[in-house]
Amino acid sequence: MAVYTEVPDGDLAAFVKAYDIGEVVSCKGIAEGVENSNFLIRTTKGSYILTLYEKRVNRSDLPFFLGLMEHLAAKGLSCPTPIKASDGEALRELCGRPAAIISFLEGMWPRRPTERHCQLLGSAIADLHIKGRDFALKRPNNLSLSGWQTLVANTKDRADEVVPGLAATIEEELAFLEKNWPQGLEIGVIHADLFPDNVFFLGDRLSGLIDFYFACTDFLAYDVAICLNAWCFEQKSEFNVTKARLMIESYAKLRPLSEAELAAMPILARGSALRFLLTRLYDWLNHPPGAFVQPKDPLEYLKKLRFHQQAKSVAAYGL
């Protein structure tokens, strides 16, 4: 369960009193997520999400994350909205952690994404990118090239414990990406973590995007590449070209991809695969005994990386 900090009932009741959301009826920890402590709280006025930001989240980044959600929601994107307390502030403190209450979105995330899910997601990514164009704040992507270098340095001595030769494979891939990483593509706000558990659906409708705590300023096309990795591989790591084509085509109907962005897609997908391979590898090697959250298998992204290494052009993704 993704609850690292327990909240006593009395502390929760006192915290909620600062908001015009009624009195607490129930509070339940949320299993999804690996970065923060999340709770579903029900009050006499409705349902809300309480998030306590843990040590891996930089407090100085929180105004960007909360401000972005507020901006996108005001533009009509279906995403959580930070709730402001009586003092006009959305970010406060609870149990020694920065904390915020955000609105609750109805919906379920797809355990097995379909082609239709991927098509709807493509439109939602483009909508996010368009509506984020005039967001004033900037935040660098700390999990791009420089961040990968740090993760490689912190995992290379033990990487071969997971599979022999993994350290060399990672170092070779990082060297390739450093030499070939694209330049000059359109930059803007990206979500950077749109995995299926961060996208809600109600029937045949995408009902909202959540968890903006990796959002940053980077190549817009990189967000698409992340989703190719997260949504378009089947359970045995086979790449589903139809899902990829539908996702990219529905994205391009709202925000056409440039020739340079399309040409760069295999490299961006390789970078995305390396990013999640490295973060999963780090968590796998540094998993504390008895922790609630189980680390995810890094080798899933090694398989995906190998697929992208064979992709010669965007045609490999169905276009």
C-alpha atoms as a PDB file:
ATOM      1  CA  MET A   1       0.000   0.000   0.000  1.00  0.00           C
ATOM      2  CA  ALA A   2       1.288   3.469  -0.888  1.00  0.00           C
ATOM      3  CA  VAL A   3       0.877   4.888   2.606  1.00  0.00           C
ATOM      4  CA  TYR A   4       4.206   5.809   4.149  1.00  0.00           C
ATOM      5  CA  THR A   5       2.877   8.214   6.787  1.00  0.00           C
ATOM      6  CA  GLU A   6      -0.097   7.260   8.949  1.00  0.00           C
ATOM      7  CA  VAL A   7      -2.464  10.105   9.861  1.00  0.00           C
ATOM      8  CA  PRO A   8      -4.134   9.926  13.306  1.00  0.00           C
ATOM      9  CA  ASP A   9      -7.878  10.630  13.300  1.00  0.00           C
ATOM     10  CA  GLY A  10      -7.531  13.734  15.463  1.00  0.00           C
ATOM     11  CA  ASP A  11      -4.847  15.262  13.247  1.00  0.00           C
ATOM     12  CA  LEU A  12      -6.938  14.578  10.150  1.00  0.00           C
ATOM     13  CA  ALA A  13     -10.055  16.171  11.635  1.00  0.00           C
ATOM     14  CA  ALA A  14      -8.115  19.286  12.657  1.00  0.00           C
ATOM     15  CA  PHE A  15      -6.513  19.516   9.212  1.00  0.00           C
ATOM     16  CA  VAL A  16      -9.829  19.249   7.352  1.00  0.00           C
ATOM     17  CA  LYS A  17     -11.421  21.960   9.528  1.00  0.00           C
ATOM     18  CA  ALA A  18      -9.395  24.532   7.601  1.00  0.00           C
ATOM     19  CA  TYR A  19     -11.347  23.661   4.441  1.00  0.00           C
ATOM     20  CA  ASP A  20     -14.964  24.219   3.518  1.00  0.00           C
ATOM     21  CA  ILE A  21     -15.509  20.545   2.690  1.00  0.00           C
ATOM     22  CA  GLY A  22     -17.520  19.372   5.694  1.00  0.00           C
ATOM     23  CA  GLU A  23     -16.538  16.903   8.409  1.00  0.00           C
ATOM     24  CA  VAL A  24     -14.634  13.658   7.851  1.00  0.00           C
ATOM     25  CA  VAL A  25     -16.840  10.573   7.569  1.00  0.00           C
ATOM     26  CA  SER A  26     -14.153   8.064   6.526  1.00  0.00           C
ATOM     27  CA  CYS A  27     -10.522   7.861   5.453  1.00  0.00           C
ATOM     28  CA  LYS A  28      -8.916   4.994   3.529  1.00  0.00           C
ATOM     29  CA  GLY A  29      -5.379   4.552   2.261  1.00  0.00           C
ATOM     30  CA  ILE A  30      -4.955   4.173  -1.521  1.00  0.00           C
ATOM     31  CA  ALA A  31      -2.807   1.295  -2.737  1.00  0.00           C
ATOM     32  CA  GLU A  32      -1.766   2.792  -6.094  1.00  0.00           C
ATOM     33  CA  GLY A  33       1.226   5.072  -6.401  1.00  0.00           C
ATOM     34  CA  VAL A  34       4.791   4.767  -5.170  1.00  0.00           C
ATOM     35  CA  GLU A  35       5.925   8.308  -4.368  1.00  0.00           C
ATOM     36  CA  ASN A  36       3.468   9.748  -1.828  1.00  0.00           C
ATOM     37  CA  SER A  37       0.952   8.780   0.856  1.00  0.00           C
ATOM     38  CA  ASN A  38      -2.562   8.992  -0.587  1.00  0.00           C
ATOM     39  CA  PHE A  39      -5.922   8.717   1.132  1.00  0.00           C
ATOM     40  CA  LEU A  40      -9.505   8.760  -0.068  1.00  0.00           C
ATOM     41  CA  ILE A  41     -11.419  10.863   2.419  1.00  0.00           C
ATOM     42  CA  ARG A  42     -15.205  11.119   2.468  1.00  0.00           C
ATOM     43  CA  THR A  43     -16.797  14.073   4.177  1.00  0.00           C
ATOM     44  CA  THR A  44     -20.314  15.305   4.714  1.00  0.00           C
ATOM     45  CA  LYS A  45     -19.918  17.283   1.449  1.00  0.00           C
ATOM     46  CA  GLY A  46     -18.272  14.733  -0.858  1.00  0.00           C
ATOM     47  CA  SER A  47     -15.137  12.728  -1.666  1.00  0.00           C
ATOM     48  CA  TYR A  48     -11.580  14.074  -1.899  1.00  0.00           C
ATOM     49  CA  ILE A  49      -7.997  12.875  -2.176  1.00  0.00           C
ATOM     50  CA  LEU A  50      -5.539  13.766   0.589  1.00  0.00           C
ATOM     51  CA  THR A  51      -1.882  13.554  -0.412  1.00  0.00           C
ATOM     52  CA  LEU A  52       1.097  13.754   1.913  1.00  0.00           C
ATOM     53  CA  TYR A  53       4.252  14.441  -0.088  1.00  0.00           C
ATOM     54  CA  GLU A  54       7.065  12.181   1.028  1.00  0.00           C
ATOM     55  CA  LYS A  55      10.808  12.728   1.062  1.00  0.00           C
ATOM     56  CA  ARG A  56      11.401  11.799  -2.589  1.00  0.00           C
ATOM     57  CA  VAL A  57       9.296  14.781  -3.675  1.00  0.00           C
ATOM     58  CA  ASN A  58      11.098  18.123  -3.641  1.00  0.00           C
ATOM     59  CA  ARG A  59       8.946  20.634  -1.755  1.00  0.00           C
ATOM     60  CA  SER A  60      10.070  23.422  -4.100  1.00  0.00           C
ATOM     61  CA  ASP A  61       8.413  21.542  -7.007  1.00  0.00           C
ATOM     62  CA  LEU A  62       4.978  21.445  -5.377  1.00  0.00           C
ATOM     63  CA  PRO A  63       3.820  24.922  -6.534  1.00  0.00           C
ATOM     64  CA  PHE A  64       4.494  23.767 -10.114  1.00  0.00           C
ATOM     65  CA  PHE A  65       2.497  20.540  -9.718  1.00  0.00           C
ATOM     66  CA  LEU A  66      -0.450  22.120  -7.918  1.00  0.00           C
ATOM     67  CA  GLY A  67      -0.448  25.212 -10.118  1.00  0.00           C
ATOM     68  CA  LEU A  68      -0.430  23.061 -13.254  1.00  0.00           C
ATOM     69  CA  MET A  69      -3.454  21.053 -12.111  1.00  0.00           C
ATOM     70  CA  GLU A  70      -5.314  24.248 -11.295  1.00  0.00           C
ATOM     71  CA  HIS A  71      -4.403  25.757 -14.677  1.00  0.00           C
ATOM     72  CA  LEU A  72      -5.406  22.697 -16.696  1.00  0.00           C
ATOM     73  CA  ALA A  73      -8.671  22.223 -14.805  1.00  0.00           C
ATOM     74  CA  ALA A  74      -9.563  25.880 -15.423  1.00  0.00           C
ATOM     75  CA  LYS A  75      -8.934  25.271 -19.139  1.00  0.00           C
ATOM     76  CA  GLY A  76     -11.390  22.375 -19.123  1.00  0.00           C
ATOM     77  CA  LEU A  77      -9.051  19.389 -18.904  1.00  0.00           C
ATOM     78  CA  SER A  78     -10.523  16.688 -16.694  1.00  0.00           C
ATOM     79  CA  CYS A  79      -7.956  16.418 -13.908  1.00  0.00           C
ATOM     80  CA  PRO A  80      -7.882  16.890 -10.130  1.00  0.00           C
ATOM     81  CA  THR A  81      -8.183  20.422  -8.791  1.00  0.00           C
ATOM     82  CA  PRO A  82      -6.338  21.489  -5.630  1.00  0.00           C
ATOM     83  CA  ILE A  83      -8.737  22.603  -2.893  1.00  0.00           C
ATOM     84  CA  LYS A  84      -7.755  25.826  -1.147  1.00  0.00           C
ATOM     85  CA  ALA A  85      -8.082  26.218   2.608  1.00  0.00           C
ATOM     86  CA  SER A  86      -9.681  29.207   4.320  1.00  0.00           C
ATOM     87  CA  ASP A  87      -6.352  31.069   4.140  1.00  0.00           C
ATOM     88  CA  GLY A  88      -6.351  30.736   0.333  1.00  0.00           C
ATOM     89  CA  GLU A  89      -3.489  28.214   0.298  1.00  0.00           C
ATOM     90  CA  ALA A  90      -3.653  24.780  -1.295  1.00  0.00           C
ATOM     91  CA  LEU A  91      -0.369  23.517   0.154  1.00  0.00           C
ATOM     92  CA  ARG A  92      -0.213  23.029   3.919  1.00  0.00           C
ATOM     93  CA  GLU A  93       1.424  20.617   6.397  1.00  0.00           C
ATOM     94  CA  LEU A  94       0.173  17.461   8.091  1.00  0.00           C
ATOM     95  CA  CYS A  95       2.133  14.999  10.242  1.00  0.00           C
ATOM     96  CA  GLY A  96       5.397  16.731   9.363  1.00  0.00           C
ATOM     97  CA  ARG A  97       4.796  16.423   5.619  1.00  0.00           C
ATOM     98  CA  PRO A  98       3.659  18.920   2.988  1.00  0.00           C
ATOM     99  CA  ALA A  99       0.035  18.044   2.249  1.00  0.00           C
ATOM    100  CA  ALA A 100      -2.818  18.991  -0.048  1.00  0.00           C
ATOM    101  CA  ILE A 101      -6.429  18.043  -0.638  1.00  0.00           C
ATOM    102  CA  ILE A 102      -7.531  17.680  -4.255  1.00  0.00           C
ATOM    103  CA  SER A 103     -10.839  16.950  -5.917  1.00  0.00           C
ATOM    104  CA  PHE A 104     -11.915  13.355  -6.548  1.00  0.00           C
ATOM    105  CA  LEU A 105     -12.357  12.044 -10.095  1.00  0.00           C
ATOM    106  CA  GLU A 106     -14.803   9.258 -10.867  1.00  0.00           C
ATOM    107  CA  GLY A 107     -13.613   6.386 -13.012  1.00  0.00           C
ATOM    108  CA  MET A 108     -11.525   3.227 -13.194  1.00  0.00           C
ATOM    109  CA  TRP A 109      -8.118   2.711 -14.731  1.00  0.00           C
ATOM    110  CA  PRO A 110      -7.877  -0.083 -17.329  1.00  0.00           C
ATOM    111  CA  ARG A 111      -6.038  -3.204 -16.179  1.00  0.00           C
ATOM    112  CA  ARG A 112      -5.822  -4.358 -19.807  1.00  0.00           C
ATOM    113  CA  PRO A 113      -5.863  -1.358 -22.144  1.00  0.00           C
ATOM    114  CA  THR A 114      -7.775  -1.847 -25.378  1.00  0.00           C
ATOM    115  CA  GLU A 115      -7.296  -0.222 -28.760  1.00  0.00           C
ATOM    116  CA  ARG A 116     -10.131   2.170 -27.888  1.00  0.00           C
ATOM    117  CA  HIS A 117      -8.425   3.169 -24.643  1.00  0.00           C
ATOM    118  CA  CYS A 118      -5.261   4.002 -26.605  1.00  0.00           C
ATOM    119  CA  GLN A 119      -7.194   6.028 -29.146  1.00  0.00           C
ATOM    120  CA  LEU A 120      -8.888   8.083 -26.422  1.00  0.00           C
ATOM    121  CA  LEU A 121      -5.591   8.552 -24.629  1.00  0.00           C
ATOM    122  CA  GLY A 122      -3.947  10.011 -27.728  1.00  0.00           C
ATOM    123  CA  SER A 123      -6.535  12.793 -27.847  1.00  0.00           C
ATOM    124  CA  ALA A 124      -6.168  13.429 -24.108  1.00  0.00           C
ATOM    125  CA  ILE A 125      -2.378  13.808 -24.339  1.00  0.00           C
ATOM    126  CA  ALA A 126      -2.727  16.338 -27.155  1.00  0.00           C
ATOM    127  CA  ASP A 127      -5.403  18.204 -25.209  1.00  0.00           C
ATOM    128  CA  LEU A 128      -3.094  18.424 -22.197  1.00  0.00           C
ATOM    129  CA  HIS A 129      -0.219  19.712 -24.336  1.00  0.00           C
ATOM    130  CA  ILE A 130      -2.375  22.370 -25.999  1.00  0.00           C
ATOM    131  CA  LYS A 131      -3.944  23.586 -22.749  1.00  0.00           C
ATOM    132  CA  GLY A 132      -0.577  23.673 -21.006  1.00  0.00           C
ATOM    133  CA  ARG A 133       1.021  25.989 -23.579  1.00  0.00           C
ATOM    134  CA  ASP A 134       0.334  29.161 -21.600  1.00  0.00           C
ATOM    135  CA  PHE A 135       1.195  27.781 -18.169  1.00  0.00           C
ATOM    136  CA  ALA A 136       3.751  30.244 -16.835  1.00  0.00           C
ATOM    137  CA  LEU A 137       5.891  28.036 -14.585  1.00  0.00           C
ATOM    138  CA  LYS A 138       8.720  25.834 -15.826  1.00  0.00           C
ATOM    139  CA  ARG A 139      10.248  22.708 -14.325  1.00  0.00           C
ATOM    140  CA  PRO A 140      13.165  20.817 -15.880  1.00  0.00           C
ATOM    141  CA  ASN A 141      12.824  17.097 -16.471  1.00  0.00           C
ATOM    142  CA  ASN A 142      15.089  15.692 -13.768  1.00  0.00           C
ATOM    143  CA  LEU A 143      14.666  12.214 -15.251  1.00  0.00           C
ATOM    144  CA  SER A 144      16.139  12.986 -18.655  1.00  0.00           C
ATOM    145  CA  LEU A 145      19.777  12.652 -19.761  1.00  0.00           C
ATOM    146  CA  SER A 146      21.463  14.132 -16.672  1.00  0.00           C
ATOM    147  CA  GLY A 147      19.166  12.195 -14.362  1.00  0.00           C
ATOM    148  CA  TRP A 148      19.865   8.969 -16.238  1.00  0.00           C
ATOM    149  CA  GLN A 149      23.592   9.521 -15.736  1.00  0.00           C
ATOM    150  CA  THR A 150      23.064   9.751 -11.986  1.00  0.00           C
ATOM    151  CA  LEU A 151      20.901   6.622 -11.923  1.00  0.00           C
ATOM    152  CA  VAL A 152      23.461   4.680 -13.968  1.00  0.00           C
ATOM    153  CA  ALA A 153      26.193   5.703 -11.530  1.00  0.00           C
ATOM    154  CA  ASN A 154      24.033   4.594  -8.590  1.00  0.00           C
ATOM    155  CA  THR A 155      23.101   1.184 -10.043  1.00  0.00           C
ATOM    156  CA  LYS A 156      25.950  -0.032 -12.249  1.00  0.00           C
ATOM    157  CA  ASP A 157      27.851  -1.863  -9.499  1.00  0.00           C
ATOM    158  CA  ARG A 158      24.858  -4.100  -8.721  1.00  0.00           C
ATOM    159  CA  ALA A 159      22.903  -4.132 -11.983  1.00  0.00           C
ATOM    160  CA  ASP A 160      24.257  -7.556 -12.962  1.00  0.00           C
ATOM    161  CA  GLU A 161      22.602  -9.006  -9.839  1.00  0.00           C
ATOM    162  CA  VAL A 162      19.324  -8.634 -11.740  1.00  0.00           C
ATOM    163  CA  VAL A 163      20.581 -10.158 -14.990  1.00  0.00           C
ATOM    164  CA  PRO A 164      24.184 -10.721 -16.148  1.00  0.00           C
ATOM    165  CA  GLY A 165      25.393  -8.048 -18.557  1.00  0.00           C
ATOM    166  CA  LEU A 166      22.723  -5.505 -17.606  1.00  0.00           C
ATOM    167  CA  ALA A 167      25.232  -2.861 -16.482  1.00  0.00           C
ATOM    168  CA  ALA A 168      27.047  -2.918 -19.832  1.00  0.00           C
ATOM    169  CA  THR A 169      23.773  -2.853 -21.784  1.00  0.00           C
ATOM    170  CA  ILE A 170      22.627   0.229 -19.869  1.00  0.00           C
ATOM    171  CA  GLU A 171      25.931   2.070 -20.242  1.00  0.00           C
ATOM    172  CA  GLU A 172      26.006   1.386 -23.999  1.00  0.00           C
ATOM    173  CA  GLU A 173      22.434   2.633 -24.382  1.00  0.00           C
ATOM    174  CA  LEU A 174      23.094   5.792 -22.375  1.00  0.00           C
ATOM    175  CA  ALA A 175      26.142   6.552 -24.541  1.00  0.00           C
ATOM    176  CA  PHE A 176      24.018   6.103 -27.682  1.00  0.00           C
ATOM    177  CA  LEU A 177      21.261   8.387 -26.386  1.00  0.00           C
ATOM    178  CA  GLU A 178      23.707  11.080 -25.287  1.00  0.00           C
ATOM    179  CA  LYS A 179      25.103  11.118 -28.833  1.00  0.00           C
ATOM    180  CA  ASN A 180      21.756  10.956 -30.657  1.00  0.00           C
ATOM    181  CA  TRP A 181      19.221  12.705 -28.413  1.00  0.00           C
ATOM    182  CA  PRO A 182      17.038  15.024 -30.537  1.00  0.00           C
ATOM    183  CA  GLN A 183      17.381  18.789 -30.577  1.00  0.00           C
ATOM    184  CA  GLY A 184      14.946  21.536 -31.525  1.00  0.00           C
ATOM    185  CA  LEU A 185      11.650  19.703 -30.988  1.00  0.00           C
ATOM    186  CA  GLU A 186       8.677  21.617 -29.564  1.00  0.00           C
ATOM    187  CA  ILE A 187       8.902  21.988 -25.797  1.00  0.00           C
ATOM    188  CA  GLY A 188       6.057  22.414 -23.334  1.00  0.00           C
ATOM    189  CA  VAL A 189       4.362  20.940 -20.284  1.00  0.00           C
ATOM    190  CA  ILE A 190       4.279  17.131 -20.286  1.00  0.00           C
ATOM    191  CA  HIS A 191       2.743  14.707 -17.796  1.00  0.00           C
ATOM    192  CA  ALA A 192       5.727  12.326 -18.047  1.00  0.00           C
ATOM    193  CA  ASP A 193       3.999   9.446 -16.205  1.00  0.00           C
ATOM    194  CA  LEU A 194       0.768   8.619 -18.048  1.00  0.00           C
ATOM    195  CA  PHE A 195       0.662   4.945 -17.192  1.00  0.00           C
ATOM    196  CA  PRO A 196      -2.737   3.211 -17.256  1.00  0.00           C
ATOM    197  CA  ASP A 197      -3.191   3.679 -13.489  1.00  0.00           C
ATOM    198  CA  ASN A 198      -3.063   7.449 -14.015  1.00  0.00           C
ATOM    199  CA  VAL A 199      -5.876   7.521 -16.603  1.00  0.00           C
ATOM    200  CA  PHE A 200      -9.511   6.990 -15.625  1.00  0.00           C
ATOM    201  CA  PHE A 201     -12.357   5.808 -17.825  1.00  0.00           C
ATOM    202  CA  LEU A 202     -16.122   5.615 -17.408  1.00  0.00           C
ATOM    203  CA  GLY A 203     -17.474   3.220 -19.999  1.00  0.00           C
ATOM    204  CA  ASP A 204     -16.433   4.443 -23.450  1.00  0.00           C
ATOM    205  CA  ARG A 205     -15.257   7.801 -22.144  1.00  0.00           C
ATOM    206  CA  LEU A 206     -11.939   8.970 -20.739  1.00  0.00           C
ATOM    207  CA  SER A 207     -12.958  10.619 -17.467  1.00  0.00           C
ATOM    208  CA  GLY A 208      -9.697  12.136 -16.315  1.00  0.00           C
ATOM    209  CA  LEU A 209      -5.915  12.234 -15.895  1.00  0.00           C
ATOM    210  CA  ILE A 210      -4.348  12.093 -12.436  1.00  0.00           C
ATOM    211  CA  ASP A 211      -0.967  12.122 -10.639  1.00  0.00           C
ATOM    212  CA  PHE A 212       0.918  15.084 -12.079  1.00  0.00           C
ATOM    213  CA  TYR A 213       3.898  14.685  -9.743  1.00  0.00           C
ATOM    214  CA  PHE A 214       6.409  13.927 -12.500  1.00  0.00           C
ATOM    215  CA  ALA A 215       5.103  16.712 -14.767  1.00  0.00           C
ATOM    216  CA  CYS A 216       7.805  18.914 -16.230  1.00  0.00           C
ATOM    217  CA  THR A 217       8.895  20.975 -19.219  1.00  0.00           C
ATOM    218  CA  ASP A 218      10.290  18.822 -22.035  1.00  0.00           C
ATOM    219  CA  PHE A 219       9.717  17.687 -25.610  1.00  0.00           C
ATOM    220  CA  LEU A 220       5.986  17.190 -26.164  1.00  0.00           C
ATOM    221  CA  ALA A 221       6.699  14.168 -28.358  1.00  0.00           C
ATOM    222  CA  TYR A 222       8.531  12.531 -25.452  1.00  0.00           C
ATOM    223  CA  ASP A 223       5.192  12.287 -23.624  1.00  0.00           C
ATOM    224  CA  VAL A 224       3.839  10.311 -26.590  1.00  0.00           C
ATOM    225  CA  ALA A 225       6.885   8.031 -26.482  1.00  0.00           C
ATOM    226  CA  ILE A 226       6.304   7.344 -22.775  1.00  0.00           C
ATOM    227  CA  CYS A 227       2.735   6.294 -23.579  1.00  0.00           C
ATOM    228  CA  LEU A 228       3.882   4.015 -26.393  1.00  0.00           C
ATOM    229  CA  ASN A 229       5.891   2.133 -23.787  1.00  0.00           C
ATOM    230  CA  ALA A 230       3.213   2.185 -21.101  1.00  0.00           C
ATOM    231  CA  TRP A 231       0.154   1.300 -23.243  1.00  0.00           C
ATOM    232  CA  CYS A 232       1.170  -0.477 -26.440  1.00  0.00           C
ATOM    233  CA  PHE A 233       2.970  -3.608 -25.248  1.00  0.00           C
ATOM    234  CA  GLU A 234       1.014  -6.734 -24.417  1.00  0.00           C
ATOM    235  CA  GLN A 235       1.557  -8.922 -21.354  1.00  0.00           C
ATOM    236  CA  LYS A 236       4.314 -10.973 -22.984  1.00  0.00           C
ATOM    237  CA  SER A 237       6.059  -7.817 -24.250  1.00  0.00           C
ATOM    238  CA  GLU A 238       4.750  -8.046 -27.827  1.00  0.00           C
ATOM    239  CA  PHE A 239       4.340  -4.590 -29.347  1.00  0.00           C
ATOM    240  CA  ASN A 240       0.792  -3.839 -30.546  1.00  0.00           C
ATOM    241  CA  VAL A 241       1.185  -1.755 -33.714  1.00  0.00           C
ATOM    242  CA  THR A 242      -2.568  -1.078 -33.964  1.00  0.00           C
ATOM    243  CA  LYS A 243      -2.696   0.480 -30.493  1.00  0.00           C
ATOM    244  CA  ALA A 244       0.309   2.657 -31.301  1.00  0.00           C
ATOM    245  CA  ARG A 245      -1.122   3.817 -34.622  1.00  0.00           C
ATOM    246  CA  LEU A 246      -4.488   4.713 -33.110  1.00  0.00           C
ATOM    247  CA  MET A 247      -2.831   6.603 -30.266  1.00  0.00           C
ATOM    248  CA  ILE A 248      -0.530   8.630 -32.493  1.00  0.00           C
ATOM    249  CA  GLU A 249      -3.203   9.340 -35.122  1.00  0.00           C
ATOM    250  CA  SER A 250      -5.731  10.567 -32.535  1.00  0.00           C
ATOM    251  CA  TYR A 251      -3.032  12.739 -30.957  1.00  0.00           C
ATOM    252  CA  ALA A 252      -2.089  14.231 -34.330  1.00  0.00           C
ATOM    253  CA  LYS A 253      -5.700  15.189 -35.116  1.00  0.00           C
ATOM    254  CA  LEU A 254      -5.506  17.780 -32.328  1.00  0.00           C
ATOM    255  CA  ARG A 255      -1.801  18.597 -32.444  1.00  0.00           C
ATOM    256  CA  PRO A 256      -0.090  17.513 -35.660  1.00  0.00           C
ATOM    257  CA  LEU A 257       3.349  16.018 -35.117  1.00  0.00           C
ATOM    258  CA  SER A 258       6.155  17.603 -37.111  1.00  0.00           C
ATOM    259  CA  GLU A 259       8.357  15.574 -39.437  1.00  0.00           C
ATOM    260  CA  ALA A 260      11.210  15.997 -36.953  1.00  0.00           C
ATOM    261  CA  GLU A 261       9.056  14.676 -34.093  1.00  0.00           C
ATOM    262  CA  LEU A 262       7.993  11.638 -36.103  1.00  0.00           C
ATOM    263  CA  ALA A 263      11.586  10.944 -37.158  1.00  0.00           C
ATOM    264  CA  ALA A 264      12.710  11.185 -33.519  1.00  0.00           C
ATOM    265  CA  MET A 265      10.055   8.825 -32.134  1.00  0.00           C
ATOM    266  CA  PRO A 266      12.264   5.685 -32.016  1.00  0.00           C
ATOM    267  CA  ILE A 267      14.982   7.600 -30.114  1.00  0.00           C
ATOM    268  CA  LEU A 268      12.454   9.160 -27.750  1.00  0.00           C
ATOM    269  CA  ALA A 269      10.925   5.729 -27.122  1.00  0.00           C
ATOM    270  CA  ARG A 270      14.379   4.316 -26.355  1.00  0.00           C
ATOM    271  CA  GLY A 271      14.966   7.159 -23.905  1.00  0.00           C
ATOM    272  CA  SER A 272      11.624   6.536 -22.241  1.00  0.00           C
ATOM    273  CA  ALA A 273      12.357   2.823 -21.929  1.00  0.00           C
ATOM    274  CA  LEU A 274      15.761   3.532 -20.399  1.00  0.00           C
ATOM    275  CA  ARG A 275      14.248   6.028 -17.954  1.00  0.00           C
ATOM    276  CA  PHE A 276      11.802   3.471 -16.528  1.00  0.00           C
ATOM    277  CA  LEU A 277      14.351   0.667 -16.653  1.00  0.00           C
ATOM    278  CA  LEU A 278      16.690   2.780 -14.516  1.00  0.00           C
ATOM    279  CA  THR A 279      14.150   4.001 -11.971  1.00  0.00           C
ATOM    280  CA  ARG A 280      12.744   0.499 -11.566  1.00  0.00           C
ATOM    281  CA  LEU A 281      16.248  -0.932 -11.277  1.00  0.00           C
ATOM    282  CA  TYR A 282      17.175   1.586  -8.590  1.00  0.00           C
ATOM    283  CA  ASP A 283      14.010   0.791  -6.611  1.00  0.00           C
ATOM    284  CA  TRP A 284      14.574  -2.949  -7.057  1.00  0.00           C
ATOM    285  CA  LEU A 285      18.127  -2.743  -5.714  1.00  0.00           C
ATOM    286  CA  ASN A 286      17.218  -0.388  -2.855  1.00  0.00           C
ATOM    287  CA  HIS A 287      13.960  -1.936  -1.703  1.00  0.00           C
ATOM    288  CA  PRO A 288      13.769  -1.792   2.105  1.00  0.00           C
ATOM    289  CA  PRO A 289      12.726  -5.052   3.813  1.00  0.00           C
ATOM    290  CA  GLY A 290       9.118  -5.013   4.954  1.00  0.00           C
ATOM    291  CA  ALA A 291       8.106  -2.066   2.756  1.00  0.00           C
ATOM    292  CA  PHE A 292       4.437  -1.933   1.763  1.00  0.00           C
ATOM    293  CA  VAL A 293       5.094  -1.099  -1.906  1.00  0.00           C
ATOM    294  CA  GLN A 294       6.572  -3.910  -3.997  1.00  0.00           C
ATOM    295  CA  PRO A 295       9.106  -2.779  -6.615  1.00  0.00           C
ATOM    296  CA  LYS A 296       8.204  -3.238 -10.261  1.00  0.00           C
ATOM    297  CA  ASP A 297      10.218  -5.549 -12.505  1.00  0.00           C
ATOM    298  CA  PRO A 298      12.925  -3.562 -14.341  1.00  0.00           C
ATOM    299  CA  LEU A 299      13.368  -6.302 -16.943  1.00  0.00           C
ATOM    300  CA  GLU A 300       9.969  -5.444 -18.439  1.00  0.00           C
ATOM    301  CA  TYR A 301      11.575  -2.251 -19.713  1.00  0.00           C
ATOM    302  CA  LEU A 302      14.723  -4.011 -20.876  1.00  0.00           C
ATOM    303  CA  LYS A 303      12.498  -6.022 -23.248  1.00  0.00           C
ATOM    304  CA  LYS A 304      10.798  -2.838 -24.441  1.00  0.00           C
ATOM    305  CA  LEU A 305      14.142  -1.131 -24.948  1.00  0.00           C
ATOM    306  CA  ARG A 306      15.293  -3.973 -27.168  1.00  0.00           C
ATOM    307  CA  PHE A 307      12.218  -3.565 -29.367  1.00  0.00           C
ATOM    308  CA  HIS A 308      12.867   0.159 -29.846  1.00  0.00           C
ATOM    309  CA  GLN A 309      16.535  -0.484 -30.602  1.00  0.00           C
ATOM    310  CA  GLN A 310      15.362  -2.400 -33.694  1.00  0.00           C
ATOM    311  CA  ALA A 311      12.959   0.342 -34.836  1.00  0.00           C
ATOM    312  CA  LYS A 312      14.437   2.108 -37.866  1.00  0.00           C
ATOM    313  CA  SER A 313      11.684   4.703 -38.257  1.00  0.00           C
ATOM    314  CA  VAL A 314       8.231   5.701 -37.059  1.00  0.00           C
ATOM    315  CA  ALA A 315       6.881   2.993 -39.384  1.00  0.00           C
ATOM    316  CA  ALA A 316       7.680   0.535 -36.592  1.00  0.00           C
ATOM    317  CA  TYR A 317       4.838   2.185 -34.651  1.00  0.00           C
ATOM    318  CA  GLY A 318       2.230   1.725 -37.343  1.00  0.00           C
ATOM    319  CA  LEU A 319       2.609   4.942 -39.345  1.00  0.00           C
END
